[in-house]
Amino acid sequence: MTRVAILDYGMGNLRSVEKALERVGAEAVITDDHELARSADGLVLPGVGAFAAAMERIGQRGLDGLIRERVEAGVRVLGICLGFQLLFESSSELGGAAGLGLVDGPVTGLEAEGMKVPHIGWEPVAWESESELIEGIADGTPFYFVHSFAPRPKRAADLLGTAVHGERFGCAIARPPVYGVQFHPEKSSSDGLRLLANFSTICSAVPGTSRLNGGGAPLRPPASASQ
């Protein structure tokens, strides 16, 4: 059974992620214990709230160094919602803050003039490249979003999925061993569970191995996250 550590830094809907992973057959553990996290096959970085506050709490528990250490070891990491944003270099929210810097690019506010922000609800996701993370999930599948900010990946090869709310924004990345989604797979019905099952399968492979390199082969001309 694949063991996945859900990193607890005091922010996020940890129990719903735990239950979703258990439903797809993974052994999920919520923890901020470094040794327990090191024993896991993969890490999930969830989160709901403000970027700067999240990074402060992550730093207080030493999880920033732990995440970077495990990534260097080839262990797979999945960021969800705010956790996805934290993978990037920085955010402009509330005056700005530095992120984990595992993916190149900033996080900025959604450009959705005339539309409600935060963006809450289901939106179809267009897959921009191939990845084991989305195996068996059709292009245009809707997922559930709750957010006001979106990352702007600098590398087209990192961009896995996009969605539209006012603008087209990057909502999924694949830069093995780092993955991330802006939407909530744990709240996205059977397709969200399929994505988490795929992540569990990826984690069960030997670190550093994958059938796809980088973000995979483009399915269409790369979309800019700032379009």
C-alpha atoms as a PDB file:
ATOM      1  CA  MET A   1       0.000   0.000   0.000  1.00  0.00           C
ATOM      2  CA  THR A   2       1.313   3.439  -0.953  1.00  0.00           C
ATOM      3  CA  ARG A   3       1.877   5.701   2.055  1.00  0.00           C
ATOM      4  CA  VAL A   4       1.192   9.399   1.466  1.00  0.00           C
ATOM      5  CA  ALA A   5       1.997  12.028   4.098  1.00  0.00           C
ATOM      6  CA  ILE A   6      -0.356  15.025   4.162  1.00  0.00           C
ATOM      7  CA  LEU A   7       1.742  17.854   5.555  1.00  0.00           C
ATOM      8  CA  ASP A   8       0.094  19.609   8.487  1.00  0.00           C
ATOM      9  CA  TYR A   9       1.083  23.227   9.047  1.00  0.00           C
ATOM     10  CA  GLY A  10      -2.209  24.288  10.595  1.00  0.00           C
ATOM     11  CA  MET A  11      -4.025  25.456   7.439  1.00  0.00           C
ATOM     12  CA  GLY A  12      -6.226  23.481   5.065  1.00  0.00           C
ATOM     13  CA  ASN A  13      -8.909  20.851   4.800  1.00  0.00           C
ATOM     14  CA  LEU A  14      -6.664  17.956   5.786  1.00  0.00           C
ATOM     15  CA  ARG A  15      -9.348  15.425   6.708  1.00  0.00           C
ATOM     16  CA  SER A  16     -11.129  15.584   3.354  1.00  0.00           C
ATOM     17  CA  VAL A  17      -7.832  14.993   1.545  1.00  0.00           C
ATOM     18  CA  GLU A  18      -7.034  12.124   3.900  1.00  0.00           C
ATOM     19  CA  LYS A  19     -10.420  10.475   3.326  1.00  0.00           C
ATOM     20  CA  ALA A  20     -10.143  10.878  -0.449  1.00  0.00           C
ATOM     21  CA  LEU A  21      -6.708   9.240  -0.522  1.00  0.00           C
ATOM     22  CA  GLU A  22      -7.963   6.395   1.637  1.00  0.00           C
ATOM     23  CA  ARG A  23     -10.870   5.887  -0.766  1.00  0.00           C
ATOM     24  CA  VAL A  24      -8.433   5.277  -3.618  1.00  0.00           C
ATOM     25  CA  GLY A  25      -6.473   2.737  -1.607  1.00  0.00           C
ATOM     26  CA  ALA A  26      -3.583   4.805  -0.240  1.00  0.00           C
ATOM     27  CA  GLU A  27      -2.446   4.829   3.364  1.00  0.00           C
ATOM     28  CA  ALA A  28      -2.767   8.511   4.280  1.00  0.00           C
ATOM     29  CA  VAL A  29      -1.267  10.111   7.368  1.00  0.00           C
ATOM     30  CA  ILE A  30      -1.635  13.742   8.480  1.00  0.00           C
ATOM     31  CA  THR A  31       1.622  14.860  10.058  1.00  0.00           C
ATOM     32  CA  ASP A  32       4.241  17.534  10.616  1.00  0.00           C
ATOM     33  CA  ASP A  33       6.712  14.961  11.960  1.00  0.00           C
ATOM     34  CA  HIS A  34       9.782  14.976   9.731  1.00  0.00           C
ATOM     35  CA  GLU A  35      10.740  11.342  10.202  1.00  0.00           C
ATOM     36  CA  LEU A  36       7.213  10.142   9.536  1.00  0.00           C
ATOM     37  CA  ALA A  37       7.092  12.269   6.377  1.00  0.00           C
ATOM     38  CA  ARG A  38      10.467  10.891   5.280  1.00  0.00           C
ATOM     39  CA  SER A  39       9.095   7.362   5.530  1.00  0.00           C
ATOM     40  CA  ALA A  40       6.252   8.189   3.113  1.00  0.00           C
ATOM     41  CA  ASP A  41       6.238   7.344  -0.594  1.00  0.00           C
ATOM     42  CA  GLY A  42       4.800  10.760  -1.467  1.00  0.00           C
ATOM     43  CA  LEU A  43       3.825  14.081   0.067  1.00  0.00           C
ATOM     44  CA  VAL A  44       0.687  16.189  -0.315  1.00  0.00           C
ATOM     45  CA  LEU A  45       0.884  19.901   0.463  1.00  0.00           C
ATOM     46  CA  PRO A  46      -2.701  21.140   0.928  1.00  0.00           C
ATOM     47  CA  GLY A  47      -3.815  24.582   2.029  1.00  0.00           C
ATOM     48  CA  VAL A  48      -6.572  27.141   2.335  1.00  0.00           C
ATOM     49  CA  GLY A  49      -5.910  30.751   3.347  1.00  0.00           C
ATOM     50  CA  ALA A  50      -3.259  33.432   2.876  1.00  0.00           C
ATOM     51  CA  PHE A  51       0.035  32.675   1.132  1.00  0.00           C
ATOM     52  CA  ALA A  52       2.316  34.589   3.532  1.00  0.00           C
ATOM     53  CA  ALA A  53       0.740  33.081   6.650  1.00  0.00           C
ATOM     54  CA  ALA A  54       1.093  29.603   5.163  1.00  0.00           C
ATOM     55  CA  MET A  55       4.778  30.093   4.350  1.00  0.00           C
ATOM     56  CA  GLU A  56       5.403  31.430   7.856  1.00  0.00           C
ATOM     57  CA  ARG A  57       3.850  28.351   9.455  1.00  0.00           C
ATOM     58  CA  ILE A  58       5.656  26.017   7.075  1.00  0.00           C
ATOM     59  CA  GLY A  59       8.929  27.692   8.020  1.00  0.00           C
ATOM     60  CA  GLN A  60       8.186  27.488  11.748  1.00  0.00           C
ATOM     61  CA  ARG A  61       7.773  23.714  11.464  1.00  0.00           C
ATOM     62  CA  GLY A  62      10.792  23.310   9.195  1.00  0.00           C
ATOM     63  CA  LEU A  63       8.628  21.823   6.472  1.00  0.00           C
ATOM     64  CA  ASP A  64      10.116  24.045   3.772  1.00  0.00           C
ATOM     65  CA  GLY A  65      13.499  22.366   4.127  1.00  0.00           C
ATOM     66  CA  LEU A  66      11.885  18.951   4.416  1.00  0.00           C
ATOM     67  CA  ILE A  67       9.899  19.403   1.191  1.00  0.00           C
ATOM     68  CA  ARG A  68      12.977  20.535  -0.730  1.00  0.00           C
ATOM     69  CA  GLU A  69      14.970  17.599   0.682  1.00  0.00           C
ATOM     70  CA  ARG A  70      12.375  15.050  -0.404  1.00  0.00           C
ATOM     71  CA  VAL A  71      12.050  16.610  -3.869  1.00  0.00           C
ATOM     72  CA  GLU A  72      15.826  16.370  -4.298  1.00  0.00           C
ATOM     73  CA  ALA A  73      15.511  12.691  -3.361  1.00  0.00           C
ATOM     74  CA  GLY A  74      12.954  12.219  -6.152  1.00  0.00           C
ATOM     75  CA  VAL A  75       9.958  11.772  -3.843  1.00  0.00           C
ATOM     76  CA  ARG A  76       6.721  12.949  -5.458  1.00  0.00           C
ATOM     77  CA  VAL A  77       4.962  16.017  -4.070  1.00  0.00           C
ATOM     78  CA  LEU A  78       1.427  17.188  -4.925  1.00  0.00           C
ATOM     79  CA  GLY A  79       0.337  20.733  -4.066  1.00  0.00           C
ATOM     80  CA  ILE A  80      -3.421  21.352  -3.796  1.00  0.00           C
ATOM     81  CA  CYS A  81      -5.091  24.793  -3.978  1.00  0.00           C
ATOM     82  CA  LEU A  82      -2.975  27.113  -1.777  1.00  0.00           C
ATOM     83  CA  GLY A  83      -0.432  24.299  -1.557  1.00  0.00           C
ATOM     84  CA  PHE A  84      -0.144  24.476  -5.357  1.00  0.00           C
ATOM     85  CA  GLN A  85       0.596  28.208  -5.171  1.00  0.00           C
ATOM     86  CA  LEU A  86       3.212  27.676  -2.445  1.00  0.00           C
ATOM     87  CA  LEU A  87       5.287  25.598  -4.879  1.00  0.00           C
ATOM     88  CA  PHE A  88       6.063  28.763  -6.864  1.00  0.00           C
ATOM     89  CA  GLU A  89       8.654  31.488  -6.315  1.00  0.00           C
ATOM     90  CA  SER A  90       6.469  34.224  -4.843  1.00  0.00           C
ATOM     91  CA  SER A  91       2.997  35.683  -4.406  1.00  0.00           C
ATOM     92  CA  SER A  92       1.750  39.270  -4.673  1.00  0.00           C
ATOM     93  CA  GLU A  93      -0.988  38.624  -2.100  1.00  0.00           C
ATOM     94  CA  LEU A  94      -1.101  41.051   0.858  1.00  0.00           C
ATOM     95  CA  GLY A  95       2.115  42.833  -0.090  1.00  0.00           C
ATOM     96  CA  GLY A  96       3.994  39.783  -1.300  1.00  0.00           C
ATOM     97  CA  ALA A  97       5.902  36.816   0.086  1.00  0.00           C
ATOM     98  CA  ALA A  98       8.444  34.272  -1.097  1.00  0.00           C
ATOM     99  CA  GLY A  99       7.303  30.716  -1.838  1.00  0.00           C
ATOM    100  CA  LEU A 100       9.105  27.386  -1.926  1.00  0.00           C
ATOM    101  CA  GLY A 101      10.588  28.107  -5.359  1.00  0.00           C
ATOM    102  CA  LEU A 102      10.178  24.557  -6.676  1.00  0.00           C
ATOM    103  CA  VAL A 103       8.446  25.841  -9.820  1.00  0.00           C
ATOM    104  CA  ASP A 104       9.510  28.971 -11.699  1.00  0.00           C
ATOM    105  CA  GLY A 105       7.034  31.839 -11.720  1.00  0.00           C
ATOM    106  CA  PRO A 106       4.982  34.161  -9.513  1.00  0.00           C
ATOM    107  CA  VAL A 107       1.439  33.937  -8.145  1.00  0.00           C
ATOM    108  CA  THR A 108      -0.786  36.957  -8.880  1.00  0.00           C
ATOM    109  CA  GLY A 109      -4.435  37.895  -8.634  1.00  0.00           C
ATOM    110  CA  LEU A 110      -6.969  36.563 -11.086  1.00  0.00           C
ATOM    111  CA  GLU A 111      -7.726  39.019 -13.881  1.00  0.00           C
ATOM    112  CA  ALA A 112     -11.485  38.574 -13.991  1.00  0.00           C
ATOM    113  CA  GLU A 113     -12.979  42.012 -14.557  1.00  0.00           C
ATOM    114  CA  GLY A 114     -16.747  42.023 -14.128  1.00  0.00           C
ATOM    115  CA  MET A 115     -16.741  38.540 -12.610  1.00  0.00           C
ATOM    116  CA  LYS A 116     -16.894  37.383  -9.005  1.00  0.00           C
ATOM    117  CA  VAL A 117     -13.628  36.847  -7.184  1.00  0.00           C
ATOM    118  CA  PRO A 118     -12.937  34.586  -5.388  1.00  0.00           C
ATOM    119  CA  HIS A 119     -13.658  32.177  -8.188  1.00  0.00           C
ATOM    120  CA  ILE A 120     -15.856  29.462  -6.678  1.00  0.00           C
ATOM    121  CA  GLY A 121     -17.363  26.591  -8.623  1.00  0.00           C
ATOM    122  CA  TRP A 122     -16.837  23.982 -11.296  1.00  0.00           C
ATOM    123  CA  GLU A 123     -14.808  24.762 -14.427  1.00  0.00           C
ATOM    124  CA  PRO A 124     -13.661  22.518 -17.279  1.00  0.00           C
ATOM    125  CA  VAL A 125      -9.907  21.984 -17.385  1.00  0.00           C
ATOM    126  CA  ALA A 126      -8.035  21.837 -20.688  1.00  0.00           C
ATOM    127  CA  TRP A 127      -5.010  19.560 -20.617  1.00  0.00           C
ATOM    128  CA  GLU A 128      -2.022  21.232 -22.247  1.00  0.00           C
ATOM    129  CA  SER A 129       0.337  18.246 -22.071  1.00  0.00           C
ATOM    130  CA  GLU A 130       0.460  14.595 -21.060  1.00  0.00           C
ATOM    131  CA  SER A 131       1.196  13.298 -17.580  1.00  0.00           C
ATOM    132  CA  GLU A 132       0.641  10.178 -15.542  1.00  0.00           C
ATOM    133  CA  LEU A 133      -1.200  12.444 -13.081  1.00  0.00           C
ATOM    134  CA  ILE A 134      -4.150  12.846 -15.460  1.00  0.00           C
ATOM    135  CA  GLU A 135      -4.204   9.398 -17.031  1.00  0.00           C
ATOM    136  CA  GLY A 136      -7.789   8.369 -17.784  1.00  0.00           C
ATOM    137  CA  ILE A 137      -9.202  11.878 -17.242  1.00  0.00           C
ATOM    138  CA  ALA A 138     -10.713  13.429 -20.368  1.00  0.00           C
ATOM    139  CA  ASP A 139      -9.772  16.840 -21.713  1.00  0.00           C
ATOM    140  CA  GLY A 140     -12.415  19.353 -20.607  1.00  0.00           C
ATOM    141  CA  THR A 141     -13.294  17.517 -17.393  1.00  0.00           C
ATOM    142  CA  PRO A 142     -14.722  19.936 -14.790  1.00  0.00           C
ATOM    143  CA  PHE A 143     -13.089  20.311 -11.372  1.00  0.00           C
ATOM    144  CA  TYR A 144     -14.063  22.339  -8.307  1.00  0.00           C
ATOM    145  CA  PHE A 145     -12.231  25.643  -7.675  1.00  0.00           C
ATOM    146  CA  VAL A 146     -12.052  28.113  -4.770  1.00  0.00           C
ATOM    147  CA  HIS A 147      -9.383  30.808  -5.279  1.00  0.00           C
ATOM    148  CA  SER A 148      -8.586  34.468  -5.903  1.00  0.00           C
ATOM    149  CA  PHE A 149      -4.990  34.063  -7.115  1.00  0.00           C
ATOM    150  CA  ALA A 150      -3.328  31.926  -9.771  1.00  0.00           C
ATOM    151  CA  PRO A 151       0.286  30.938 -10.516  1.00  0.00           C
ATOM    152  CA  ARG A 152       2.029  32.073 -13.709  1.00  0.00           C
ATOM    153  CA  PRO A 153       4.439  29.262 -14.687  1.00  0.00           C
ATOM    154  CA  LYS A 154       7.458  30.613 -16.565  1.00  0.00           C
ATOM    155  CA  ARG A 155       8.240  27.313 -18.291  1.00  0.00           C
ATOM    156  CA  ALA A 156       5.687  26.134 -20.848  1.00  0.00           C
ATOM    157  CA  ALA A 157       6.876  22.573 -20.211  1.00  0.00           C
ATOM    158  CA  ASP A 158       5.625  22.783 -16.612  1.00  0.00           C
ATOM    159  CA  LEU A 159       2.070  23.680 -17.593  1.00  0.00           C
ATOM    160  CA  LEU A 160      -0.275  20.698 -17.444  1.00  0.00           C
ATOM    161  CA  GLY A 161      -3.760  22.259 -17.366  1.00  0.00           C
ATOM    162  CA  THR A 162      -5.604  25.544 -17.814  1.00  0.00           C
ATOM    163  CA  ALA A 163      -9.078  26.832 -16.994  1.00  0.00           C
ATOM    164  CA  VAL A 164     -10.969  30.051 -17.639  1.00  0.00           C
ATOM    165  CA  HIS A 165     -12.452  32.572 -15.233  1.00  0.00           C
ATOM    166  CA  GLY A 166     -12.230  35.940 -16.935  1.00  0.00           C
ATOM    167  CA  GLU A 167      -8.775  34.975 -18.166  1.00  0.00           C
ATOM    168  CA  ARG A 168      -7.246  31.615 -19.008  1.00  0.00           C
ATOM    169  CA  PHE A 169      -4.984  30.674 -16.115  1.00  0.00           C
ATOM    170  CA  GLY A 170      -2.677  27.804 -15.291  1.00  0.00           C
ATOM    171  CA  CYS A 171      -4.428  25.397 -12.943  1.00  0.00           C
ATOM    172  CA  ALA A 172      -2.167  22.333 -13.024  1.00  0.00           C
ATOM    173  CA  ILE A 173       1.544  21.691 -13.396  1.00  0.00           C
ATOM    174  CA  ALA A 174       3.698  18.603 -13.826  1.00  0.00           C
ATOM    175  CA  ARG A 175       7.412  18.986 -13.213  1.00  0.00           C
ATOM    176  CA  PRO A 176       8.287  15.553 -11.849  1.00  0.00           C
ATOM    177  CA  PRO A 177       8.678  14.903  -9.016  1.00  0.00           C
ATOM    178  CA  VAL A 178       6.613  18.050  -8.355  1.00  0.00           C
ATOM    179  CA  TYR A 179       2.926  18.236  -9.285  1.00  0.00           C
ATOM    180  CA  GLY A 180       0.199  20.709  -8.411  1.00  0.00           C
ATOM    181  CA  VAL A 181      -3.436  21.578  -9.020  1.00  0.00           C
ATOM    182  CA  GLN A 182      -5.323  24.772  -8.234  1.00  0.00           C
ATOM    183  CA  PHE A 183      -8.634  22.933  -7.973  1.00  0.00           C
ATOM    184  CA  HIS A 184      -9.694  20.568  -5.185  1.00  0.00           C
ATOM    185  CA  PRO A 185      -9.518  16.945  -6.388  1.00  0.00           C
ATOM    186  CA  GLU A 186     -10.896  15.766  -3.037  1.00  0.00           C
ATOM    187  CA  LYS A 187     -14.081  17.749  -3.791  1.00  0.00           C
ATOM    188  CA  SER A 188     -14.259  16.911  -7.499  1.00  0.00           C
ATOM    189  CA  SER A 189     -16.196  13.647  -7.525  1.00  0.00           C
ATOM    190  CA  SER A 190     -14.912  10.554  -9.343  1.00  0.00           C
ATOM    191  CA  ASP A 191     -12.496  12.442 -11.604  1.00  0.00           C
ATOM    192  CA  GLY A 192     -10.840  14.068  -8.603  1.00  0.00           C
ATOM    193  CA  LEU A 193     -10.482  10.658  -7.009  1.00  0.00           C
ATOM    194  CA  ARG A 194      -8.973   9.338 -10.244  1.00  0.00           C
ATOM    195  CA  LEU A 195      -6.341  12.086 -10.124  1.00  0.00           C
ATOM    196  CA  LEU A 196      -5.479  11.199  -6.514  1.00  0.00           C
ATOM    197  CA  ALA A 197      -5.347   7.506  -7.433  1.00  0.00           C
ATOM    198  CA  ASN A 198      -2.951   8.380 -10.260  1.00  0.00           C
ATOM    199  CA  PHE A 199      -0.771  10.326  -7.825  1.00  0.00           C
ATOM    200  CA  SER A 200      -0.724   7.361  -5.456  1.00  0.00           C
ATOM    201  CA  THR A 201       0.379   5.115  -8.327  1.00  0.00           C
ATOM    202  CA  ILE A 202       3.124   7.569  -9.296  1.00  0.00           C
ATOM    203  CA  CYS A 203       4.345   7.584  -5.688  1.00  0.00           C
ATOM    204  CA  SER A 204       4.595   3.790  -5.636  1.00  0.00           C
ATOM    205  CA  ALA A 205       7.223   3.806  -8.415  1.00  0.00           C
ATOM    206  CA  VAL A 206      10.930   4.031  -7.635  1.00  0.00           C
ATOM    207  CA  PRO A 207      11.865   7.716  -7.044  1.00  0.00           C
ATOM    208  CA  GLY A 208      13.354   9.282 -10.149  1.00  0.00           C
ATOM    209  CA  THR A 209      11.514   7.040 -12.622  1.00  0.00           C
ATOM    210  CA  SER A 210       8.616   8.030 -14.856  1.00  0.00           C
ATOM    211  CA  ARG A 211       7.188   7.043 -18.218  1.00  0.00           C
ATOM    212  CA  LEU A 212       7.127  10.727 -19.137  1.00  0.00           C
ATOM    213  CA  ASN A 213       9.876  13.313 -18.889  1.00  0.00           C
ATOM    214  CA  GLY A 214       9.184  16.832 -17.674  1.00  0.00           C
ATOM    215  CA  GLY A 215       5.597  17.862 -18.267  1.00  0.00           C
ATOM    216  CA  GLY A 216       5.160  15.401 -21.137  1.00  0.00           C
ATOM    217  CA  ALA A 217       4.497  15.954 -24.828  1.00  0.00           C
ATOM    218  CA  PRO A 218       2.288  18.969 -25.593  1.00  0.00           C
ATOM    219  CA  LEU A 219      -1.261  18.162 -26.650  1.00  0.00           C
ATOM    220  CA  ARG A 220      -1.719  21.625 -28.165  1.00  0.00           C
ATOM    221  CA  PRO A 221       0.374  24.792 -28.553  1.00  0.00           C
ATOM    222  CA  PRO A 222       1.378  25.743 -24.964  1.00  0.00           C
ATOM    223  CA  ALA A 223      -1.030  28.202 -23.346  1.00  0.00           C
ATOM    224  CA  SER A 224       0.408  31.011 -21.277  1.00  0.00           C
ATOM    225  CA  ALA A 225      -0.933  31.158 -17.726  1.00  0.00           C
ATOM    226  CA  SER A 226      -1.232  34.923 -18.119  1.00  0.00           C
ATOM    227  CA  GLN A 227      -3.449  34.873 -21.230  1.00  0.00           C
END
